[in-house]
Amino acid sequence: MTDSQPEDVMKSVEKVIQDPLRFKLKLDIGEDAYTSLKLKKHFLDSVDAATGATTGVAVAQSSLVA
């Protein structure tokens, strides 16, 4: 097996988890466990966006731009 084969196999994958409810059932995890992972992702995306906006404001207010 070469290093490029796993990437080739994953190119055709559109969804990793087809049915989240069955996934949680098989792992024997509650509703909150999977939800918290989604919330964490959304929170980190929001933090990244806020950081970018803050950087943009700082650059716009700098003496080089003004």
PDB file of N, CA and C in Angstrom:
ATOM      1  N   MET A   1       0.847  -1.182   0.000  1.00  0.00           N
ATOM      2  CA  MET A   1       0.000   0.000   0.000  1.00  0.00           C
ATOM      3  C   MET A   1       0.889   1.241   0.000  1.00  0.00           C
ATOM      4  N   THR A   2       0.580   2.189  -0.842  1.00  0.00           N
ATOM      5  CA  THR A   2       1.355   3.422  -0.903  1.00  0.00           C
ATOM      6  C   THR A   2       0.680   4.495  -0.068  1.00  0.00           C
ATOM      7  N   ASP A   3       1.395   5.591   0.103  1.00  0.00           N
ATOM      8  CA  ASP A   3       0.853   6.684   0.902  1.00  0.00           C
ATOM      9  C   ASP A   3      -0.331   7.370   0.228  1.00  0.00           C
ATOM     10  N   SER A   4      -0.402   7.329  -1.100  1.00  0.00           N
ATOM     11  CA  SER A   4      -1.465   8.043  -1.796  1.00  0.00           C
ATOM     12  C   SER A   4      -2.785   7.266  -1.834  1.00  0.00           C
ATOM     13  N   GLN A   5      -2.772   5.991  -1.575  1.00  0.00           N
ATOM     14  CA  GLN A   5      -3.997   5.201  -1.656  1.00  0.00           C
ATOM     15  C   GLN A   5      -5.082   5.640  -0.671  1.00  0.00           C
ATOM     16  N   PRO A   6      -4.781   5.904   0.599  1.00  0.00           N
ATOM     17  CA  PRO A   6      -5.856   6.331   1.501  1.00  0.00           C
ATOM     18  C   PRO A   6      -6.519   7.628   1.039  1.00  0.00           C
ATOM     19  N   GLU A   7      -5.759   8.544   0.482  1.00  0.00           N
ATOM     20  CA  GLU A   7      -6.340   9.787   0.000  1.00  0.00           C
ATOM     21  C   GLU A   7      -7.279   9.511  -1.172  1.00  0.00           C
ATOM     22  N   ASP A   8      -6.880   8.602  -2.064  1.00  0.00           N
ATOM     23  CA  ASP A   8      -7.709   8.271  -3.212  1.00  0.00           C
ATOM     24  C   ASP A   8      -9.032   7.654  -2.776  1.00  0.00           C
ATOM     25  N   VAL A   9      -8.991   6.830  -1.760  1.00  0.00           N
ATOM     26  CA  VAL A   9     -10.205   6.185  -1.257  1.00  0.00           C
ATOM     27  C   VAL A   9     -11.136   7.228  -0.640  1.00  0.00           C
ATOM     28  N   MET A  10     -10.590   8.198   0.062  1.00  0.00           N
ATOM     29  CA  MET A  10     -11.403   9.190   0.758  1.00  0.00           C
ATOM     30  C   MET A  10     -11.966  10.266  -0.170  1.00  0.00           C
ATOM     31  N   LYS A  11     -11.485  10.391  -1.379  1.00  0.00           N
ATOM     32  CA  LYS A  11     -12.003  11.407  -2.295  1.00  0.00           C
ATOM     33  C   LYS A  11     -13.464  11.176  -2.635  1.00  0.00           C
ATOM     34  N   SER A  12     -13.898   9.936  -2.665  1.00  0.00           N
ATOM     35  CA  SER A  12     -15.282   9.635  -3.027  1.00  0.00           C
ATOM     36  C   SER A  12     -16.240   9.724  -1.832  1.00  0.00           C
ATOM     37  N   VAL A  13     -15.729   9.906  -0.632  1.00  0.00           N
ATOM     38  CA  VAL A  13     -16.563   9.956   0.571  1.00  0.00           C
ATOM     39  C   VAL A  13     -17.193  11.338   0.691  1.00  0.00           C
ATOM     40  N   GLU A  14     -18.522  11.371   0.759  1.00  0.00           N
ATOM     41  CA  GLU A  14     -19.231  12.629   0.924  1.00  0.00           C
ATOM     42  C   GLU A  14     -19.631  12.870   2.382  1.00  0.00           C
ATOM     43  N   LYS A  15     -19.959  11.806   3.086  1.00  0.00           N
ATOM     44  CA  LYS A  15     -20.346  11.898   4.493  1.00  0.00           C
ATOM     45  C   LYS A  15     -19.610  10.834   5.272  1.00  0.00           C
ATOM     46  N   VAL A  16     -19.104  11.219   6.431  1.00  0.00           N
ATOM     47  CA  VAL A  16     -18.427  10.249   7.283  1.00  0.00           C
ATOM     48  C   VAL A  16     -19.456   9.490   8.119  1.00  0.00           C
ATOM     49  N   ILE A  17     -20.425  10.205   8.624  1.00  0.00           N
ATOM     50  CA  ILE A  17     -21.471   9.596   9.450  1.00  0.00           C
ATOM     51  C   ILE A  17     -22.805   9.771   8.732  1.00  0.00           C
ATOM     52  N   GLN A  18     -23.344   8.668   8.246  1.00  0.00           N
ATOM     53  CA  GLN A  18     -24.608   8.718   7.509  1.00  0.00           C
ATOM     54  C   GLN A  18     -25.789   8.968   8.443  1.00  0.00           C
ATOM     55  N   ASP A  19     -25.787   8.286   9.579  1.00  0.00           N
ATOM     56  CA  ASP A  19     -26.912   8.384  10.508  1.00  0.00           C
ATOM     57  C   ASP A  19     -26.373   8.652  11.915  1.00  0.00           C
ATOM     58  N   PRO A  20     -26.365   9.904  12.347  1.00  0.00           N
ATOM     59  CA  PRO A  20     -25.805  10.249  13.658  1.00  0.00           C
ATOM     60  C   PRO A  20     -26.464   9.512  14.823  1.00  0.00           C
ATOM     61  N   LEU A  21     -27.746   9.226  14.709  1.00  0.00           N
ATOM     62  CA  LEU A  21     -28.416   8.532  15.811  1.00  0.00           C
ATOM     63  C   LEU A  21     -27.900   7.105  15.982  1.00  0.00           C
ATOM     64  N   ARG A  22     -27.721   6.382  14.879  1.00  0.00           N
ATOM     65  CA  ARG A  22     -27.158   5.027  14.962  1.00  0.00           C
ATOM     66  C   ARG A  22     -25.712   5.058  15.431  1.00  0.00           C
ATOM     67  N   PHE A  23     -24.981   6.068  14.992  1.00  0.00           N
ATOM     68  CA  PHE A  23     -23.593   6.236  15.421  1.00  0.00           C
ATOM     69  C   PHE A  23     -23.515   6.367  16.944  1.00  0.00           C
ATOM     70  N   LYS A  24     -24.362   7.234  17.496  1.00  0.00           N
ATOM     71  CA  LYS A  24     -24.377   7.422  18.954  1.00  0.00           C
ATOM     72  C   LYS A  24     -24.824   6.155  19.665  1.00  0.00           C
ATOM     73  N   LEU A  25     -25.773   5.443  19.086  1.00  0.00           N
ATOM     74  CA  LEU A  25     -26.260   4.208  19.687  1.00  0.00           C
ATOM     75  C   LEU A  25     -25.163   3.148  19.734  1.00  0.00           C
ATOM     76  N   LYS A  26     -24.420   3.002  18.636  1.00  0.00           N
ATOM     77  CA  LYS A  26     -23.344   2.004  18.598  1.00  0.00           C
ATOM     78  C   LYS A  26     -22.223   2.340  19.572  1.00  0.00           C
ATOM     79  N   LEU A  27     -21.945   3.623  19.738  1.00  0.00           N
ATOM     80  CA  LEU A  27     -20.899   4.024  20.677  1.00  0.00           C
ATOM     81  C   LEU A  27     -21.401   4.087  22.108  1.00  0.00           C
ATOM     82  N   ASP A  28     -22.707   3.972  22.268  1.00  0.00           N
ATOM     83  CA  ASP A  28     -23.349   4.048  23.578  1.00  0.00           C
ATOM     84  C   ASP A  28     -23.032   5.375  24.265  1.00  0.00           C
ATOM     85  N   ILE A  29     -23.173   6.450  23.478  1.00  0.00           N
ATOM     86  CA  ILE A  29     -22.984   7.788  24.039  1.00  0.00           C
ATOM     87  C   ILE A  29     -24.309   8.512  24.000  1.00  0.00           C
ATOM     88  N   GLY A  30     -24.455   9.443  24.886  1.00  0.00           N
ATOM     89  CA  GLY A  30     -25.699  10.190  24.955  1.00  0.00           C
ATOM     90  C   GLY A  30     -25.769  11.298  23.926  1.00  0.00           C
ATOM     91  N   GLU A  31     -26.892  11.928  23.862  1.00  0.00           N
ATOM     92  CA  GLU A  31     -27.136  13.030  22.928  1.00  0.00           C
ATOM     93  C   GLU A  31     -26.173  14.186  23.175  1.00  0.00           C
ATOM     94  N   ASP A  32     -25.862  14.442  24.425  1.00  0.00           N
ATOM     95  CA  ASP A  32     -25.012  15.582  24.774  1.00  0.00           C
ATOM     96  C   ASP A  32     -23.573  15.422  24.300  1.00  0.00           C
ATOM     97  N   ALA A  33     -23.067  14.195  24.259  1.00  0.00           N
ATOM     98  CA  ALA A  33     -21.669  13.990  23.880  1.00  0.00           C
ATOM     99  C   ALA A  33     -21.426  14.426  22.441  1.00  0.00           C
ATOM    100  N   TYR A  34     -22.257  13.993  21.534  1.00  0.00           N
ATOM    101  CA  TYR A  34     -22.086  14.325  20.124  1.00  0.00           C
ATOM    102  C   TYR A  34     -22.404  15.797  19.879  1.00  0.00           C
ATOM    103  N   THR A  35     -23.402  16.311  20.565  1.00  0.00           N
ATOM    104  CA  THR A  35     -23.783  17.713  20.431  1.00  0.00           C
ATOM    105  C   THR A  35     -22.665  18.621  20.902  1.00  0.00           C
ATOM    106  N   SER A  36     -21.991  18.232  21.971  1.00  0.00           N
ATOM    107  CA  SER A  36     -20.916  19.080  22.487  1.00  0.00           C
ATOM    108  C   SER A  36     -19.761  19.176  21.500  1.00  0.00           C
ATOM    109  N   LEU A  37     -19.523  18.126  20.732  1.00  0.00           N
ATOM    110  CA  LEU A  37     -18.481  18.195  19.715  1.00  0.00           C
ATOM    111  C   LEU A  37     -18.856  19.183  18.613  1.00  0.00           C
ATOM    112  N   LYS A  38     -20.126  19.182  18.223  1.00  0.00           N
ATOM    113  CA  LYS A  38     -20.594  20.132  17.217  1.00  0.00           C
ATOM    114  C   LYS A  38     -20.493  21.561  17.743  1.00  0.00           C
ATOM    115  N   LEU A  39     -20.896  21.760  18.990  1.00  0.00           N
ATOM    116  CA  LEU A  39     -20.839  23.089  19.592  1.00  0.00           C
ATOM    117  C   LEU A  39     -19.407  23.583  19.686  1.00  0.00           C
ATOM    118  N   LYS A  40     -18.495  22.675  20.020  1.00  0.00           N
ATOM    119  CA  LYS A  40     -17.095  23.054  20.115  1.00  0.00           C
ATOM    120  C   LYS A  40     -16.588  23.535  18.759  1.00  0.00           C
ATOM    121  N   LYS A  41     -16.942  22.839  17.697  1.00  0.00           N
ATOM    122  CA  LYS A  41     -16.515  23.223  16.353  1.00  0.00           C
ATOM    123  C   LYS A  41     -17.072  24.593  15.998  1.00  0.00           C
ATOM    124  N   HIS A  42     -18.365  24.819  16.245  1.00  0.00           N
ATOM    125  CA  HIS A  42     -18.971  26.114  15.939  1.00  0.00           C
ATOM    126  C   HIS A  42     -18.350  27.227  16.775  1.00  0.00           C
ATOM    127  N   PHE A  43     -18.047  26.936  18.031  1.00  0.00           N
ATOM    128  CA  PHE A  43     -17.422  27.925  18.894  1.00  0.00           C
ATOM    129  C   PHE A  43     -16.038  28.303  18.371  1.00  0.00           C
ATOM    130  N   LEU A  44     -15.246  27.299  17.990  1.00  0.00           N
ATOM    131  CA  LEU A  44     -13.905  27.587  17.478  1.00  0.00           C
ATOM    132  C   LEU A  44     -13.966  28.343  16.155  1.00  0.00           C
ATOM    133  N   ASP A  45     -14.945  28.036  15.313  1.00  0.00           N
ATOM    134  CA  ASP A  45     -15.129  28.789  14.071  1.00  0.00           C
ATOM    135  C   ASP A  45     -15.465  30.249  14.373  1.00  0.00           C
ATOM    136  N   SER A  46     -16.295  30.468  15.384  1.00  0.00           N
ATOM    137  CA  SER A  46     -16.662  31.829  15.773  1.00  0.00           C
ATOM    138  C   SER A  46     -15.462  32.590  16.319  1.00  0.00           C
ATOM    139  N   VAL A  47     -14.643  31.916  17.097  1.00  0.00           N
ATOM    140  CA  VAL A  47     -13.442  32.548  17.646  1.00  0.00           C
ATOM    141  C   VAL A  47     -12.496  32.928  16.505  1.00  0.00           C
ATOM    142  N   ASP A  48     -12.345  32.044  15.529  1.00  0.00           N
ATOM    143  CA  ASP A  48     -11.490  32.354  14.380  1.00  0.00           C
ATOM    144  C   ASP A  48     -12.014  33.570  13.620  1.00  0.00           C
ATOM    145  N   ALA A  49     -13.312  33.646  13.430  1.00  0.00           N
ATOM    146  CA  ALA A  49     -13.906  34.784  12.719  1.00  0.00           C
ATOM    147  C   ALA A  49     -13.712  36.075  13.506  1.00  0.00           C
ATOM    148  N   ALA A  50     -13.907  36.019  14.810  1.00  0.00           N
ATOM    149  CA  ALA A  50     -13.728  37.209  15.638  1.00  0.00           C
ATOM    150  C   ALA A  50     -12.272  37.661  15.631  1.00  0.00           C
ATOM    151  N   THR A  51     -11.358  36.717  15.644  1.00  0.00           N
ATOM    152  CA  THR A  51      -9.932  37.060  15.600  1.00  0.00           C
ATOM    153  C   THR A  51      -9.600  37.748  14.283  1.00  0.00           C
ATOM    154  N   GLY A  52     -10.128  37.222  13.199  1.00  0.00           N
ATOM    155  CA  GLY A  52      -9.902  37.846  11.900  1.00  0.00           C
ATOM    156  C   GLY A  52     -10.484  39.244  11.827  1.00  0.00           C
ATOM    157  N   ALA A  53     -11.678  39.428  12.364  1.00  0.00           N
ATOM    158  CA  ALA A  53     -12.310  40.748  12.367  1.00  0.00           C
ATOM    159  C   ALA A  53     -11.512  41.732  13.210  1.00  0.00           C
ATOM    160  N   THR A  54     -11.042  41.289  14.351  1.00  0.00           N
ATOM    161  CA  THR A  54     -10.244  42.150  15.227  1.00  0.00           C
ATOM    162  C   THR A  54      -8.951  42.563  14.539  1.00  0.00           C
ATOM    163  N   THR A  55      -8.322  41.631  13.862  1.00  0.00           N
ATOM    164  CA  THR A  55      -7.102  41.942  13.129  1.00  0.00           C
ATOM    165  C   THR A  55      -7.387  42.950  12.023  1.00  0.00           C
ATOM    166  N   GLY A  56      -8.495  42.770  11.319  1.00  0.00           N
ATOM    167  CA  GLY A  56      -8.874  43.702  10.260  1.00  0.00           C
ATOM    168  C   GLY A  56      -9.097  45.109  10.784  1.00  0.00           C
ATOM    169  N   VAL A  57      -9.747  45.213  11.915  1.00  0.00           N
ATOM    170  CA  VAL A  57      -9.989  46.528  12.524  1.00  0.00           C
ATOM    171  C   VAL A  57      -8.668  47.168  12.936  1.00  0.00           C
ATOM    172  N   ALA A  58      -7.772  46.390  13.511  1.00  0.00           N
ATOM    173  CA  ALA A  58      -6.479  46.925  13.943  1.00  0.00           C
ATOM    174  C   ALA A  58      -5.665  47.419  12.751  1.00  0.00           C
ATOM    175  N   VAL A  59      -5.706  46.672  11.661  1.00  0.00           N
ATOM    176  CA  VAL A  59      -4.973  47.095  10.464  1.00  0.00           C
ATOM    177  C   VAL A  59      -5.608  48.356   9.880  1.00  0.00           C
ATOM    178  N   ALA A  60      -6.931  48.416   9.856  1.00  0.00           N
ATOM    179  CA  ALA A  60      -7.622  49.588   9.300  1.00  0.00           C
ATOM    180  C   ALA A  60      -7.346  50.847  10.113  1.00  0.00           C
ATOM    181  N   GLN A  61      -7.139  50.694  11.411  1.00  0.00           N
ATOM    182  CA  GLN A  61      -6.879  51.837  12.269  1.00  0.00           C
ATOM    183  C   GLN A  61      -5.396  52.226  12.340  1.00  0.00           C
ATOM    184  N   SER A  62      -4.544  51.418  11.743  1.00  0.00           N
ATOM    185  CA  SER A  62      -3.119  51.705  11.830  1.00  0.00           C
ATOM    186  C   SER A  62      -2.766  52.938  11.013  1.00  0.00           C
ATOM    187  N   SER A  63      -1.614  53.522  11.317  1.00  0.00           N
ATOM    188  CA  SER A  63      -1.192  54.739  10.627  1.00  0.00           C
ATOM    189  C   SER A  63      -0.816  54.474   9.179  1.00  0.00           C
ATOM    190  N   LEU A  64      -0.473  53.239   8.823  1.00  0.00           N
ATOM    191  CA  LEU A  64      -0.127  52.925   7.449  1.00  0.00           C
ATOM    192  C   LEU A  64      -1.328  53.013   6.527  1.00  0.00           C
ATOM    193  N   VAL A  65      -2.508  52.635   7.017  1.00  0.00           N
ATOM    194  CA  VAL A  65      -3.720  52.640   6.203  1.00  0.00           C
ATOM    195  C   VAL A  65      -4.346  54.012   6.219  1.00  0.00           C
ATOM    196  N   ALA A  66      -4.344  54.656   7.373  1.00  0.00           N
ATOM    197  CA  ALA A  66      -5.016  55.963   7.523  1.00  0.00           C
ATOM    198  C   ALA A  66      -4.242  57.050   6.931  1.00  0.00           C
TER     199      ALA A  66
END
